[in-house]
Amino acid sequence: TVLECMPDTIVVAASGMAGAGSPNEIRTKRISKRFYLCGDFV
């Protein structure tokens, strides 16, 4: 919704932070010009 309807707004989202996995697995990726994703993605 934000990417499609709010063209001047950037989104920072999360995917995957559960469990007792290594803290070093948490990272940030720039998916597109206005979209960032944080987590282990899994």
PDB file of all heavy atoms in Angstrom:
ATOM      1  N   THR A   1       0.827  -1.207   0.000  1.00  0.00           N
ATOM      2  CA  THR A   1       0.000   0.000   0.000  1.00  0.00           C
ATOM      3  C   THR A   1       0.860   1.255   0.000  1.00  0.00           C
ATOM      4  O   THR A   1       0.610   2.203  -0.758  1.00  0.00           O
ATOM      5  CB  THR A   1      -0.948   0.007   1.214  1.00  0.00           C
ATOM      6  OG1 THR A   1      -1.812  -1.127   1.143  1.00  0.00           O
ATOM      7  CG2 THR A   1      -1.780   1.277   1.238  1.00  0.00           C
ATOM      8  N   VAL A   2       1.880   1.279   0.853  1.00  0.00           N
ATOM      9  CA  VAL A   2       2.746   2.463   0.916  1.00  0.00           C
ATOM     10  C   VAL A   2       3.499   2.643  -0.401  1.00  0.00           C
ATOM     11  O   VAL A   2       3.550   3.757  -0.952  1.00  0.00           O
ATOM     12  CB  VAL A   2       3.733   2.359   2.100  1.00  0.00           C
ATOM     13  CG1 VAL A   2       4.734   3.518   2.053  1.00  0.00           C
ATOM     14  CG2 VAL A   2       2.985   2.375   3.423  1.00  0.00           C
ATOM     15  N   LEU A   3       4.054   1.578  -0.937  1.00  0.00           N
ATOM     16  CA  LEU A   3       4.829   1.691  -2.177  1.00  0.00           C
ATOM     17  C   LEU A   3       3.961   2.108  -3.358  1.00  0.00           C
ATOM     18  O   LEU A   3       4.406   2.844  -4.240  1.00  0.00           O
ATOM     19  CB  LEU A   3       5.535   0.369  -2.478  1.00  0.00           C
ATOM     20  CG  LEU A   3       6.647  -0.030  -1.499  1.00  0.00           C
ATOM     21  CD1 LEU A   3       7.239  -1.383  -1.889  1.00  0.00           C
ATOM     22  CD2 LEU A   3       7.744   1.027  -1.446  1.00  0.00           C
ATOM     23  N   GLU A   4       2.716   1.657  -3.362  1.00  0.00           N
ATOM     24  CA  GLU A   4       1.831   1.957  -4.483  1.00  0.00           C
ATOM     25  C   GLU A   4       1.095   3.287  -4.347  1.00  0.00           C
ATOM     26  O   GLU A   4       0.857   3.973  -5.345  1.00  0.00           O
ATOM     27  CB  GLU A   4       0.793   0.832  -4.639  1.00  0.00           C
ATOM     28  CG  GLU A   4       1.392  -0.487  -5.097  1.00  0.00           C
ATOM     29  CD  GLU A   4       0.379  -1.623  -5.074  1.00  0.00           C
ATOM     30  OE1 GLU A   4      -0.813  -1.351  -4.841  1.00  0.00           O
ATOM     31  OE2 GLU A   4       0.793  -2.780  -5.278  1.00  0.00           O
ATOM     32  N   CYS A   5       0.753   3.664  -3.121  1.00  0.00           N
ATOM     33  CA  CYS A   5      -0.130   4.817  -2.916  1.00  0.00           C
ATOM     34  C   CYS A   5       0.547   6.031  -2.278  1.00  0.00           C
ATOM     35  O   CYS A   5      -0.061   7.111  -2.212  1.00  0.00           O
ATOM     36  CB  CYS A   5      -1.325   4.406  -2.045  1.00  0.00           C
ATOM     37  SG  CYS A   5      -2.284   3.043  -2.725  1.00  0.00           S
ATOM     38  N   MET A   6       1.773   5.884  -1.777  1.00  0.00           N
ATOM     39  CA  MET A   6       2.480   6.991  -1.135  1.00  0.00           C
ATOM     40  C   MET A   6       3.850   7.130  -1.798  1.00  0.00           C
ATOM     41  O   MET A   6       4.872   6.725  -1.241  1.00  0.00           O
ATOM     42  CB  MET A   6       2.604   6.740   0.373  1.00  0.00           C
ATOM     43  CG  MET A   6       1.254   6.564   1.071  1.00  0.00           C
ATOM     44  SD  MET A   6       1.394   6.101   2.834  1.00  0.00           S
ATOM     45  CE  MET A   6       2.076   7.613   3.535  1.00  0.00           C
ATOM     46  N   PRO A   7       3.903   7.687  -2.989  1.00  0.00           N
ATOM     47  CA  PRO A   7       5.112   7.663  -3.821  1.00  0.00           C
ATOM     48  C   PRO A   7       6.319   8.396  -3.251  1.00  0.00           C
ATOM     49  O   PRO A   7       7.444   8.189  -3.729  1.00  0.00           O
ATOM     50  CB  PRO A   7       4.652   8.295  -5.134  1.00  0.00           C
ATOM     51  CG  PRO A   7       3.450   9.108  -4.776  1.00  0.00           C
ATOM     52  CD  PRO A   7       2.780   8.354  -3.667  1.00  0.00           C
ATOM     53  N   ASP A   8       6.122   9.236  -2.258  1.00  0.00           N
ATOM     54  CA  ASP A   8       7.242   9.977  -1.671  1.00  0.00           C
ATOM     55  C   ASP A   8       7.706   9.387  -0.341  1.00  0.00           C
ATOM     56  O   ASP A   8       8.546   9.992   0.342  1.00  0.00           O
ATOM     57  CB  ASP A   8       6.847  11.446  -1.469  1.00  0.00           C
ATOM     58  CG  ASP A   8       6.516  12.146  -2.775  1.00  0.00           C
ATOM     59  OD1 ASP A   8       7.208  11.879  -3.775  1.00  0.00           O
ATOM     60  OD2 ASP A   8       5.563  12.938  -2.794  1.00  0.00           O
ATOM     61  N   THR A   9       7.154   8.240   0.020  1.00  0.00           N
ATOM     62  CA  THR A   9       7.424   7.652   1.336  1.00  0.00           C
ATOM     63  C   THR A   9       8.266   6.391   1.223  1.00  0.00           C
ATOM     64  O   THR A   9       8.054   5.569   0.331  1.00  0.00           O
ATOM     65  CB  THR A   9       6.097   7.328   2.053  1.00  0.00           C
ATOM     66  OG1 THR A   9       5.307   8.520   2.126  1.00  0.00           O
ATOM     67  CG2 THR A   9       6.338   6.805   3.452  1.00  0.00           C
ATOM     68  N   ILE A  10       9.211   6.244   2.116  1.00  0.00           N
ATOM     69  CA  ILE A  10      10.096   5.083   2.169  1.00  0.00           C
ATOM     70  C   ILE A  10       9.560   4.102   3.216  1.00  0.00           C
ATOM     71  O   ILE A  10       9.016   4.515   4.247  1.00  0.00           O
ATOM     72  CB  ILE A  10      11.534   5.522   2.515  1.00  0.00           C
ATOM     73  CG1 ILE A  10      12.135   6.280   1.312  1.00  0.00           C
ATOM     74  CG2 ILE A  10      12.423   4.339   2.905  1.00  0.00           C
ATOM     75  CD1 ILE A  10      13.442   6.971   1.612  1.00  0.00           C
ATOM     76  N   VAL A  11       9.725   2.805   2.954  1.00  0.00           N
ATOM     77  CA  VAL A  11       9.271   1.763   3.879  1.00  0.00           C
ATOM     78  C   VAL A  11      10.477   1.001   4.425  1.00  0.00           C
ATOM     79  O   VAL A  11      11.348   0.577   3.661  1.00  0.00           O
ATOM     80  CB  VAL A  11       8.325   0.760   3.199  1.00  0.00           C
ATOM     81  CG1 VAL A  11       7.776  -0.228   4.225  1.00  0.00           C
ATOM     82  CG2 VAL A  11       7.190   1.465   2.496  1.00  0.00           C
ATOM     83  N   VAL A  12      10.501   0.808   5.738  1.00  0.00           N
ATOM     84  CA  VAL A  12      11.505  -0.031   6.389  1.00  0.00           C
ATOM     85  C   VAL A  12      10.750  -1.148   7.100  1.00  0.00           C
ATOM     86  O   VAL A  12      10.059  -0.906   8.087  1.00  0.00           O
ATOM     87  CB  VAL A  12      12.364   0.767   7.387  1.00  0.00           C
ATOM     88  CG1 VAL A  12      13.412  -0.148   8.027  1.00  0.00           C
ATOM     89  CG2 VAL A  12      13.038   1.949   6.691  1.00  0.00           C
ATOM     90  N   ALA A  13      10.875  -2.362   6.585  1.00  0.00           N
ATOM     91  CA  ALA A  13      10.097  -3.489   7.094  1.00  0.00           C
ATOM     92  C   ALA A  13      11.005  -4.528   7.738  1.00  0.00           C
ATOM     93  O   ALA A  13      12.236  -4.419   7.697  1.00  0.00           O
ATOM     94  CB  ALA A  13       9.293  -4.119   5.955  1.00  0.00           C
ATOM     95  N   ALA A  14      10.369  -5.567   8.337  1.00  0.00           N
ATOM     96  CA  ALA A  14      11.122  -6.621   9.020  1.00  0.00           C
ATOM     97  C   ALA A  14      10.649  -7.991   8.578  1.00  0.00           C
ATOM     98  O   ALA A  14       9.469  -8.189   8.283  1.00  0.00           O
ATOM     99  CB  ALA A  14      10.958  -6.486  10.531  1.00  0.00           C
ATOM    100  N   SER A  15      11.582  -8.933   8.544  1.00  0.00           N
ATOM    101  CA  SER A  15      11.248 -10.317   8.217  1.00  0.00           C
ATOM    102  C   SER A  15      12.262 -11.252   8.855  1.00  0.00           C
ATOM    103  O   SER A  15      13.418 -11.300   8.444  1.00  0.00           O
ATOM    104  CB  SER A  15      11.258 -10.525   6.693  1.00  0.00           C
ATOM    105  OG  SER A  15      11.004 -11.879   6.370  1.00  0.00           O
ATOM    106  N   GLY A  16      11.833 -11.967   9.902  1.00  0.00           N
ATOM    107  CA  GLY A  16      12.691 -12.975  10.522  1.00  0.00           C
ATOM    108  C   GLY A  16      13.557 -12.442  11.636  1.00  0.00           C
ATOM    109  O   GLY A  16      14.608 -11.854  11.382  1.00  0.00           O
ATOM    110  N   MET A  17      13.089 -12.641  12.890  1.00  0.00           N
ATOM    111  CA  MET A  17      13.924 -12.270  14.037  1.00  0.00           C
ATOM    112  C   MET A  17      13.678 -13.188  15.228  1.00  0.00           C
ATOM    113  O   MET A  17      14.155 -12.949  16.320  1.00  0.00           O
ATOM    114  CB  MET A  17      13.716 -10.809  14.440  1.00  0.00           C
ATOM    115  CG  MET A  17      12.443 -10.486  15.198  1.00  0.00           C
ATOM    116  SD  MET A  17      10.896 -10.670  14.289  1.00  0.00           S
ATOM    117  CE  MET A  17      11.100  -9.553  12.940  1.00  0.00           C
ATOM    118  N   ALA A  18      12.925 -14.269  14.986  1.00  0.00           N
ATOM    119  CA  ALA A  18      12.598 -15.193  16.063  1.00  0.00           C
ATOM    120  C   ALA A  18      13.752 -16.153  16.340  1.00  0.00           C
ATOM    121  O   ALA A  18      14.712 -16.245  15.586  1.00  0.00           O
ATOM    122  CB  ALA A  18      11.337 -15.982  15.695  1.00  0.00           C
ATOM    123  N   GLY A  19      13.634 -16.888  17.445  1.00  0.00           N
ATOM    124  CA  GLY A  19      14.597 -17.934  17.765  1.00  0.00           C
ATOM    125  C   GLY A  19      15.868 -17.429  18.412  1.00  0.00           C
ATOM    126  O   GLY A  19      16.051 -16.239  18.657  1.00  0.00           O
ATOM    127  N   ALA A  20      16.775 -18.360  18.663  1.00  0.00           N
ATOM    128  CA  ALA A  20      18.033 -18.063  19.344  1.00  0.00           C
ATOM    129  C   ALA A  20      19.217 -18.138  18.393  1.00  0.00           C
ATOM    130  O   ALA A  20      20.333 -18.446  18.777  1.00  0.00           O
ATOM    131  CB  ALA A  20      18.239 -19.045  20.502  1.00  0.00           C
ATOM    132  N   GLY A  21      18.947 -17.849  17.117  1.00  0.00           N
ATOM    133  CA  GLY A  21      20.014 -17.867  16.127  1.00  0.00           C
ATOM    134  C   GLY A  21      21.057 -16.788  16.377  1.00  0.00           C
ATOM    135  O   GLY A  21      20.888 -15.911  17.233  1.00  0.00           O
ATOM    136  N   SER A  22      22.122 -16.833  15.610  1.00  0.00           N
ATOM    137  CA  SER A  22      23.215 -15.876  15.766  1.00  0.00           C
ATOM    138  C   SER A  22      22.713 -14.447  15.557  1.00  0.00           C
ATOM    139  O   SER A  22      21.957 -14.180  14.620  1.00  0.00           O
ATOM    140  CB  SER A  22      24.317 -16.167  14.752  1.00  0.00           C
ATOM    141  OG  SER A  22      25.264 -15.112  14.724  1.00  0.00           O
ATOM    142  N   PRO A  23      23.164 -13.531  16.381  1.00  0.00           N
ATOM    143  CA  PRO A  23      22.797 -12.124  16.166  1.00  0.00           C
ATOM    144  C   PRO A  23      23.342 -11.589  14.849  1.00  0.00           C
ATOM    145  O   PRO A  23      22.791 -10.650  14.289  1.00  0.00           O
ATOM    146  CB  PRO A  23      23.423 -11.403  17.373  1.00  0.00           C
ATOM    147  CG  PRO A  23      24.524 -12.300  17.839  1.00  0.00           C
ATOM    148  CD  PRO A  23      24.028 -13.688  17.569  1.00  0.00           C
ATOM    149  N   ASN A  24      24.413 -12.194  14.366  1.00  0.00           N
ATOM    150  CA  ASN A  24      25.030 -11.741  13.123  1.00  0.00           C
ATOM    151  C   ASN A  24      24.205 -12.087  11.885  1.00  0.00           C
ATOM    152  O   ASN A  24      24.508 -11.624  10.785  1.00  0.00           O
ATOM    153  CB  ASN A  24      26.430 -12.331  12.983  1.00  0.00           C
ATOM    154  CG  ASN A  24      27.356 -11.853  14.081  1.00  0.00           C
ATOM    155  OD1 ASN A  24      27.258 -10.711  14.531  1.00  0.00           O
ATOM    156  ND2 ASN A  24      28.243 -12.712  14.526  1.00  0.00           N
ATOM    157  N   GLU A  25      23.143 -12.898  12.076  1.00  0.00           N
ATOM    158  CA  GLU A  25      22.263 -13.205  10.956  1.00  0.00           C
ATOM    159  C   GLU A  25      21.263 -12.083  10.692  1.00  0.00           C
ATOM    160  O   GLU A  25      20.650 -12.025   9.628  1.00  0.00           O
ATOM    161  CB  GLU A  25      21.509 -14.507  11.238  1.00  0.00           C
ATOM    162  CG  GLU A  25      22.405 -15.739  11.293  1.00  0.00           C
ATOM    163  CD  GLU A  25      21.673 -16.970  11.785  1.00  0.00           C
ATOM    164  OE1 GLU A  25      20.507 -16.838  12.226  1.00  0.00           O
ATOM    165  OE2 GLU A  25      22.262 -18.059  11.742  1.00  0.00           O
ATOM    166  N   ILE A  26      21.082 -11.202  11.665  1.00  0.00           N
ATOM    167  CA  ILE A  26      20.195 -10.061  11.476  1.00  0.00           C
ATOM    168  C   ILE A  26      20.944  -9.016  10.654  1.00  0.00           C
ATOM    169  O   ILE A  26      22.042  -8.590  11.011  1.00  0.00           O
ATOM    170  CB  ILE A  26      19.766  -9.444  12.825  1.00  0.00           C
ATOM    171  CG1 ILE A  26      19.108 -10.502  13.723  1.00  0.00           C
ATOM    172  CG2 ILE A  26      18.842  -8.256  12.597  1.00  0.00           C
ATOM    173  CD1 ILE A  26      17.786 -11.013  13.220  1.00  0.00           C
ATOM    174  N   ARG A  27      20.344  -8.603   9.541  1.00  0.00           N
ATOM    175  CA  ARG A  27      20.996  -7.658   8.644  1.00  0.00           C
ATOM    176  C   ARG A  27      19.938  -6.817   7.926  1.00  0.00           C
ATOM    177  O   ARG A  27      18.756  -7.037   8.093  1.00  0.00           O
ATOM    178  CB  ARG A  27      21.882  -8.391   7.637  1.00  0.00           C
ATOM    179  CG  ARG A  27      21.157  -9.416   6.802  1.00  0.00           C
ATOM    180  CD  ARG A  27      22.150 -10.391   6.165  1.00  0.00           C
ATOM    181  NE  ARG A  27      21.516 -11.296   5.198  1.00  0.00           N
ATOM    182  CZ  ARG A  27      20.858 -12.407   5.537  1.00  0.00           C
ATOM    183  NH1 ARG A  27      20.740 -12.738   6.814  1.00  0.00           N
ATOM    184  NH2 ARG A  27      20.319 -13.171   4.615  1.00  0.00           N
ATOM    185  N   THR A  28      20.401  -5.889   7.124  1.00  0.00           N
ATOM    186  CA  THR A  28      19.513  -4.997   6.386  1.00  0.00           C
ATOM    187  C   THR A  28      19.833  -5.056   4.904  1.00  0.00           C
ATOM    188  O   THR A  28      20.998  -5.032   4.517  1.00  0.00           O
ATOM    189  CB  THR A  28      19.666  -3.544   6.880  1.00  0.00           C
ATOM    190  OG1 THR A  28      19.375  -3.489   8.276  1.00  0.00           O
ATOM    191  CG2 THR A  28      18.739  -2.603   6.139  1.00  0.00           C
ATOM    192  N   LYS A  29      18.776  -5.139   4.094  1.00  0.00           N
ATOM    193  CA  LYS A  29      18.930  -5.123   2.639  1.00  0.00           C
ATOM    194  C   LYS A  29      18.092  -3.995   2.045  1.00  0.00           C
ATOM    195  O   LYS A  29      16.965  -3.753   2.496  1.00  0.00           O
ATOM    196  CB  LYS A  29      18.447  -6.442   2.020  1.00  0.00           C
ATOM    197  CG  LYS A  29      19.385  -7.615   2.196  1.00  0.00           C
ATOM    198  CD  LYS A  29      18.834  -8.818   1.422  1.00  0.00           C
ATOM    199  CE  LYS A  29      19.744 -10.030   1.548  1.00  0.00           C
ATOM    200  NZ  LYS A  29      19.202 -11.189   0.781  1.00  0.00           N
ATOM    201  N   ARG A  30      18.641  -3.352   1.031  1.00  0.00           N
ATOM    202  CA  ARG A  30      17.848  -2.397   0.267  1.00  0.00           C
ATOM    203  C   ARG A  30      17.224  -3.161  -0.897  1.00  0.00           C
ATOM    204  O   ARG A  30      17.911  -3.562  -1.832  1.00  0.00           O
ATOM    205  CB  ARG A  30      18.704  -1.246  -0.245  1.00  0.00           C
ATOM    206  CG  ARG A  30      17.871  -0.128  -0.867  1.00  0.00           C
ATOM    207  CD  ARG A  30      18.743   0.990  -1.396  1.00  0.00           C
ATOM    208  NE  ARG A  30      17.917   2.126  -1.818  1.00  0.00           N
ATOM    209  CZ  ARG A  30      18.394   3.201  -2.442  1.00  0.00           C
ATOM    210  NH1 ARG A  30      19.694   3.287  -2.706  1.00  0.00           N
ATOM    211  NH2 ARG A  30      17.581   4.181  -2.794  1.00  0.00           N
ATOM    212  N   ILE A  31      15.914  -3.371  -0.820  1.00  0.00           N
ATOM    213  CA  ILE A  31      15.228  -4.177  -1.813  1.00  0.00           C
ATOM    214  C   ILE A  31      14.954  -3.375  -3.084  1.00  0.00           C
ATOM    215  O   ILE A  31      15.073  -3.886  -4.201  1.00  0.00           O
ATOM    216  CB  ILE A  31      13.892  -4.717  -1.248  1.00  0.00           C
ATOM    217  CG1 ILE A  31      14.146  -5.488   0.066  1.00  0.00           C
ATOM    218  CG2 ILE A  31      13.187  -5.607  -2.272  1.00  0.00           C
ATOM    219  CD1 ILE A  31      15.057  -6.682  -0.076  1.00  0.00           C
ATOM    220  N   SER A  32      14.569  -2.123  -2.907  1.00  0.00           N
ATOM    221  CA  SER A  32      14.330  -1.230  -4.039  1.00  0.00           C
ATOM    222  C   SER A  32      14.598   0.196  -3.578  1.00  0.00           C
ATOM    223  O   SER A  32      15.004   0.425  -2.435  1.00  0.00           O
ATOM    224  CB  SER A  32      12.890  -1.378  -4.556  1.00  0.00           C
ATOM    225  OG  SER A  32      11.958  -0.929  -3.580  1.00  0.00           O
ATOM    226  N   LYS A  33      14.362   1.142  -4.431  1.00  0.00           N
ATOM    227  CA  LYS A  33      14.683   2.541  -4.132  1.00  0.00           C
ATOM    228  C   LYS A  33      14.016   3.026  -2.853  1.00  0.00           C
ATOM    229  O   LYS A  33      14.599   3.806  -2.096  1.00  0.00           O
ATOM    230  CB  LYS A  33      14.262   3.420  -5.310  1.00  0.00           C
ATOM    231  CG  LYS A  33      14.640   4.889  -5.150  1.00  0.00           C
ATOM    232  CD  LYS A  33      14.236   5.684  -6.374  1.00  0.00           C
ATOM    233  CE  LYS A  33      14.613   7.152  -6.216  1.00  0.00           C
ATOM    234  NZ  LYS A  33      14.224   7.955  -7.409  1.00  0.00           N
ATOM    235  N   ARG A  34      12.798   2.539  -2.575  1.00  0.00           N
ATOM    236  CA  ARG A  34      12.042   3.029  -1.410  1.00  0.00           C
ATOM    237  C   ARG A  34      11.696   1.935  -0.408  1.00  0.00           C
ATOM    238  O   ARG A  34      10.827   2.126   0.429  1.00  0.00           O
ATOM    239  CB  ARG A  34      10.753   3.715  -1.880  1.00  0.00           C
ATOM    240  CG  ARG A  34      10.968   4.956  -2.712  1.00  0.00           C
ATOM    241  CD  ARG A  34       9.679   5.756  -2.904  1.00  0.00           C
ATOM    242  NE  ARG A  34       8.692   5.044  -3.691  1.00  0.00           N
ATOM    243  CZ  ARG A  34       7.508   4.659  -3.237  1.00  0.00           C
ATOM    244  NH1 ARG A  34       7.132   4.908  -1.986  1.00  0.00           N
ATOM    245  NH2 ARG A  34       6.656   4.034  -4.030  1.00  0.00           N
ATOM    246  N   PHE A  35      12.400   0.805  -0.480  1.00  0.00           N
ATOM    247  CA  PHE A  35      12.017  -0.326   0.367  1.00  0.00           C
ATOM    248  C   PHE A  35      13.257  -1.000   0.946  1.00  0.00           C
ATOM    249  O   PHE A  35      14.123  -1.494   0.215  1.00  0.00           O
ATOM    250  CB  PHE A  35      11.205  -1.322  -0.458  1.00  0.00           C
ATOM    251  CG  PHE A  35      10.749  -2.548   0.284  1.00  0.00           C
ATOM    252  CD1 PHE A  35      10.509  -2.538   1.650  1.00  0.00           C
ATOM    253  CD2 PHE A  35      10.540  -3.739  -0.402  1.00  0.00           C
ATOM    254  CE1 PHE A  35      10.085  -3.668   2.328  1.00  0.00           C
ATOM    255  CE2 PHE A  35      10.117  -4.888   0.249  1.00  0.00           C
ATOM    256  CZ  PHE A  35       9.889  -4.845   1.615  1.00  0.00           C
ATOM    257  N   TYR A  36      13.329  -1.010   2.291  1.00  0.00           N
ATOM    258  CA  TYR A  36      14.406  -1.675   3.016  1.00  0.00           C
ATOM    259  C   TYR A  36      13.804  -2.798   3.859  1.00  0.00           C
ATOM    260  O   TYR A  36      12.699  -2.663   4.386  1.00  0.00           O
ATOM    261  CB  TYR A  36      15.124  -0.691   3.945  1.00  0.00           C
ATOM    262  CG  TYR A  36      15.874   0.403   3.230  1.00  0.00           C
ATOM    263  CD1 TYR A  36      15.204   1.528   2.744  1.00  0.00           C
ATOM    264  CD2 TYR A  36      17.251   0.326   3.031  1.00  0.00           C
ATOM    265  CE1 TYR A  36      15.888   2.545   2.087  1.00  0.00           C
ATOM    266  CE2 TYR A  36      17.939   1.337   2.380  1.00  0.00           C
ATOM    267  CZ  TYR A  36      17.253   2.445   1.907  1.00  0.00           C
ATOM    268  OH  TYR A  36      17.934   3.442   1.257  1.00  0.00           O
ATOM    269  N   LEU A  37      14.550  -3.891   4.011  1.00  0.00           N
ATOM    270  CA  LEU A  37      14.085  -5.042   4.783  1.00  0.00           C
ATOM    271  C   LEU A  37      15.155  -5.451   5.783  1.00  0.00           C
ATOM    272  O   LEU A  37      16.331  -5.604   5.417  1.00  0.00           O
ATOM    273  CB  LEU A  37      13.764  -6.201   3.837  1.00  0.00           C
ATOM    274  CG  LEU A  37      13.018  -7.402   4.444  1.00  0.00           C
ATOM    275  CD1 LEU A  37      11.654  -6.986   4.976  1.00  0.00           C
ATOM    276  CD2 LEU A  37      12.851  -8.493   3.386  1.00  0.00           C
ATOM    277  N   CYS A  38      14.735  -5.646   7.035  1.00  0.00           N
ATOM    278  CA  CYS A  38      15.654  -5.994   8.116  1.00  0.00           C
ATOM    279  C   CYS A  38      15.262  -7.334   8.730  1.00  0.00           C
ATOM    280  O   CYS A  38      14.075  -7.636   8.854  1.00  0.00           O
ATOM    281  CB  CYS A  38      15.637  -4.926   9.204  1.00  0.00           C
ATOM    282  SG  CYS A  38      15.958  -3.246   8.623  1.00  0.00           S
ATOM    283  N   GLY A  39      16.248  -8.125   9.130  1.00  0.00           N
ATOM    284  CA  GLY A  39      15.992  -9.410   9.782  1.00  0.00           C
ATOM    285  C   GLY A  39      16.925 -10.472   9.246  1.00  0.00           C
ATOM    286  O   GLY A  39      17.938 -10.173   8.613  1.00  0.00           O
ATOM    287  N   ASP A  40      16.568 -11.742   9.519  1.00  0.00           N
ATOM    288  CA  ASP A  40      17.355 -12.829   8.916  1.00  0.00           C
ATOM    289  C   ASP A  40      16.654 -13.365   7.682  1.00  0.00           C
ATOM    290  O   ASP A  40      17.184 -14.246   6.996  1.00  0.00           O
ATOM    291  CB  ASP A  40      17.645 -13.939   9.936  1.00  0.00           C
ATOM    292  CG  ASP A  40      16.396 -14.673  10.427  1.00  0.00           C
ATOM    293  OD1 ASP A  40      15.329 -14.601   9.773  1.00  0.00           O
ATOM    294  OD2 ASP A  40      16.484 -15.351  11.462  1.00  0.00           O
ATOM    295  N   PHE A  41      15.428 -12.861   7.421  1.00  0.00           N
ATOM    296  CA  PHE A  41      14.632 -13.156   6.227  1.00  0.00           C
ATOM    297  C   PHE A  41      14.155 -14.603   6.160  1.00  0.00           C
ATOM    298  O   PHE A  41      13.662 -15.047   5.138  1.00  0.00           O
ATOM    299  CB  PHE A  41      15.400 -12.807   4.941  1.00  0.00           C
ATOM    300  CG  PHE A  41      16.140 -11.502   5.014  1.00  0.00           C
ATOM    301  CD1 PHE A  41      17.480 -11.414   4.683  1.00  0.00           C
ATOM    302  CD2 PHE A  41      15.496 -10.345   5.453  1.00  0.00           C
ATOM    303  CE1 PHE A  41      18.162 -10.213   4.762  1.00  0.00           C
ATOM    304  CE2 PHE A  41      16.166  -9.137   5.540  1.00  0.00           C
ATOM    305  CZ  PHE A  41      17.511  -9.067   5.187  1.00  0.00           C
ATOM    306  N   VAL A  42      14.292 -15.351   7.251  1.00  0.00           N
ATOM    307  CA  VAL A  42      13.974 -16.782   7.246  1.00  0.00           C
ATOM    308  C   VAL A  42      13.095 -17.180   8.424  1.00  0.00           C
ATOM    309  O   VAL A  42      12.048 -17.805   8.250  1.00  0.00           O
ATOM    310  CB  VAL A  42      15.265 -17.641   7.260  1.00  0.00           C
ATOM    311  CG1 VAL A  42      14.901 -19.116   7.367  1.00  0.00           C
ATOM    312  CG2 VAL A  42      16.110 -17.374   6.015  1.00  0.00           C
TER     313      VAL A  42
END
